[in-house]
Amino acid sequence: MRIEIMWDEGADTSLGLPFYASSGAAGADIRANFADRGSVVLQSGARALVPTGLRLSVPSGFEVQLRPRSGLALKHGITLPNTPGTIDSDYRGPLGVIVMNAGAEAFEIEHGARIAQMIVAPVIQADFELVQTLGETERGSAGFGSTGRI
C-alpha cells in the first residue's frame, strides 16, 4: 500500500514523513509542523487545528484515520475530539489535526511534536435501501446499557 505525500509550501521538511515507531505499530506518527510559529499553548478545554505540513493522496477504496496518541491522552488529556478523523481518498488539501486539551493544565504543543497517529483502512460504501420492517433480534430495540454491566 502506498500513500503519496507532498509537503505544503513553507513546511519544515526536516521533520520527515509519518513513520511507524515500532515494527508492530498499526498507526504512523505524525508531527506538528508550525514552521514559523514555534509552538501553540492549549489551555484546558481548548481546541486547535494543528498543521502537519503534509498533503496526502489516499488510494480509492481506502481512508486515513487520525487517532490520538495514548501517552498524550493518559498523561496530559490531549485528544482528538472528532476521533477518528477521516481523510477521504478524494481530499488533497492540507492535513491538519484537530487537537483538544481535556486535561486540567495548559499544554504546549511544540514544533515537531508527535501529535497523532494515522491508520490506513479500507472503505466499503453501502447501498442504502428503505424498508418497512427490520429483521428481529434477541436484543431488539433495547438501547444504551441494555446488554448489562458485566
Protein backbone atom coordinates (compact mmCIF):
# COMPACT_ATOMS: atom_id res chain seq x y z
CA MET A 1 0.00 0.00 0.00
CA ARG A 2 1.39 3.37 -0.95
CA ILE A 3 0.21 6.75 0.31
CA GLU A 4 1.64 9.56 -1.79
CA ILE A 5 2.65 12.60 0.27
CA MET A 6 3.79 16.09 -0.59
CA TRP A 7 4.86 19.00 1.57
CA ASP A 8 2.83 22.17 1.95
CA GLU A 9 4.59 25.34 0.90
CA GLY A 10 6.63 26.65 3.82
CA ALA A 11 6.55 23.39 5.79
CA ASP A 12 9.61 22.28 7.73
CA THR A 13 10.64 19.25 5.67
CA SER A 14 13.38 18.29 8.13
CA LEU A 15 10.68 16.76 10.37
CA GLY A 16 10.35 13.86 7.96
CA LEU A 17 7.37 11.87 6.77
CA PRO A 18 4.94 9.94 9.02
CA PHE A 19 6.60 6.85 10.50
CA TYR A 20 5.79 3.70 12.43
CA ALA A 21 7.52 3.87 15.83
CA SER A 22 7.79 0.07 16.12
CA SER A 23 7.59 -2.93 13.82
CA GLY A 24 4.13 -3.86 15.12
CA ALA A 25 2.63 -0.36 15.17
CA ALA A 26 -0.74 0.00 13.46
CA GLY A 27 -0.53 3.79 13.36
CA ALA A 28 2.12 6.01 11.84
CA ASP A 29 3.04 9.01 13.98
CA ILE A 30 2.57 12.48 12.51
CA ARG A 31 4.15 15.67 13.79
CA ALA A 32 3.05 19.23 14.43
CA ASN A 33 4.62 21.41 11.75
CA PHE A 34 4.41 25.04 12.86
CA ALA A 35 7.49 26.02 10.80
CA ASP A 36 7.16 29.75 11.54
CA ARG A 37 5.28 29.86 14.88
CA GLY A 38 7.33 27.55 17.10
CA SER A 39 4.53 26.19 19.32
CA VAL A 40 0.93 26.55 20.45
CA VAL A 41 -0.31 26.51 24.04
CA LEU A 42 -3.66 24.81 24.54
CA GLN A 43 -5.47 25.90 27.68
CA SER A 44 -7.64 23.35 29.48
CA GLY A 45 -10.77 22.71 27.38
CA ALA A 46 -9.35 24.48 24.31
CA ARG A 47 -9.10 23.12 20.77
CA ALA A 48 -6.76 23.96 17.91
CA LEU A 49 -6.18 22.92 14.33
CA VAL A 50 -2.56 21.80 14.27
CA PRO A 51 -0.85 21.82 10.87
CA THR A 52 1.27 18.85 9.79
CA GLY A 53 2.76 20.44 6.67
CA LEU A 54 1.53 17.44 4.67
CA ARG A 55 -0.91 16.68 1.86
CA LEU A 56 -1.92 13.10 1.07
CA SER A 57 -3.15 11.11 -1.89
CA VAL A 58 -5.07 8.18 -0.44
CA PRO A 59 -5.92 5.43 -2.95
CA SER A 60 -9.57 4.97 -3.90
CA GLY A 61 -11.22 2.39 -1.64
CA PHE A 62 -9.21 3.50 1.42
CA GLU A 63 -9.20 6.23 4.04
CA VAL A 64 -6.67 7.56 6.51
CA GLN A 65 -7.94 7.76 10.09
CA LEU A 66 -6.40 10.19 12.57
CA ARG A 67 -6.36 8.99 16.17
CA PRO A 68 -5.00 10.26 19.48
CA ARG A 69 -1.68 9.07 20.85
CA SER A 70 -2.35 7.11 24.03
CA GLY A 71 0.56 8.57 26.01
CA LEU A 72 -0.59 12.15 25.40
CA ALA A 73 -4.15 11.20 26.30
CA LEU A 74 -3.23 9.46 29.55
CA LYS A 75 -0.52 11.84 30.79
CA HIS A 76 -1.94 15.19 29.64
CA GLY A 77 -5.54 14.72 28.48
CA ILE A 78 -4.60 15.58 24.88
CA THR A 79 -7.08 14.01 22.49
CA LEU A 80 -8.74 14.42 19.10
CA PRO A 81 -12.39 15.44 19.60
CA ASN A 82 -13.52 14.00 16.26
CA THR A 83 -11.66 10.73 16.59
CA PRO A 84 -11.22 9.01 14.37
CA GLY A 85 -10.85 11.88 11.95
CA THR A 86 -11.22 10.70 8.36
CA ILE A 87 -9.14 11.77 5.39
CA ASP A 88 -11.11 10.73 2.30
CA SER A 89 -9.46 9.42 -0.84
CA ASP A 90 -10.57 12.44 -2.87
CA TYR A 91 -9.22 15.11 -0.45
CA ARG A 92 -5.98 16.83 -1.48
CA GLY A 93 -5.83 19.80 0.90
CA PRO A 94 -3.55 20.41 3.88
CA LEU A 95 -3.62 17.74 6.58
CA GLY A 96 -4.50 19.34 9.89
CA VAL A 97 -5.25 17.63 13.19
CA ILE A 98 -7.99 18.93 15.50
CA VAL A 99 -6.43 18.63 18.95
CA MET A 100 -8.21 19.21 22.27
CA ASN A 101 -6.88 19.60 25.78
CA ALA A 102 -9.22 17.62 28.04
CA GLY A 103 -6.68 17.85 30.86
CA ALA A 104 -6.65 20.19 33.84
CA GLU A 105 -3.46 22.07 32.90
CA ALA A 106 -2.36 24.07 29.88
CA PHE A 107 -0.34 22.02 27.39
CA GLU A 108 2.26 23.27 24.92
CA ILE A 109 2.35 21.60 21.52
CA GLU A 110 5.87 22.17 20.26
CA HIS A 111 7.01 22.25 16.66
CA GLY A 112 7.91 18.66 15.69
CA ALA A 113 5.92 17.02 18.50
CA ARG A 114 4.21 13.73 17.61
CA ILE A 115 0.57 14.76 17.98
CA ALA A 116 -1.47 11.97 16.41
CA GLN A 117 -1.27 8.68 14.59
CA MET A 118 -2.68 7.79 11.22
CA ILE A 119 -4.19 4.46 10.29
CA VAL A 120 -4.83 3.36 6.71
CA ALA A 121 -8.13 1.47 6.46
CA PRO A 122 -10.30 0.00 3.71
CA VAL A 123 -13.63 1.69 2.96
CA ILE A 124 -16.80 -0.11 1.96
CA GLN A 125 -19.56 2.07 0.58
CA ALA A 126 -23.00 0.61 1.25
CA ASP A 127 -26.17 0.66 -0.79
CA PHE A 128 -29.00 2.07 1.33
CA GLU A 129 -32.48 0.64 0.96
CA LEU A 130 -35.66 1.88 2.61
CA VAL A 131 -37.75 -0.99 4.04
CA GLN A 132 -40.99 -1.21 6.05
CA THR A 133 -39.67 -3.58 8.77
CA LEU A 134 -36.34 -4.78 10.09
CA GLY A 135 -35.36 -8.33 11.00
CA GLU A 136 -35.90 -9.41 14.61
CA THR A 137 -33.04 -9.99 17.08
CA GLU A 138 -32.89 -11.06 20.73
CA ARG A 139 -31.89 -7.53 21.80
CA GLY A 140 -34.42 -5.79 19.61
CA SER A 141 -34.68 -2.05 20.21
CA ALA A 142 -33.28 -2.06 23.77
CA GLY A 143 -30.90 0.91 24.00
CA PHE A 144 -27.81 2.05 25.88
CA GLY A 145 -26.79 -0.26 28.71
CA SER A 146 -29.30 -2.95 27.74
CA THR A 147 -26.69 -5.68 27.45
CA GLY A 148 -25.75 -5.34 31.13
CA ARG A 149 -22.80 -4.14 33.12
CA ILE A 150 -20.61 -7.23 33.10
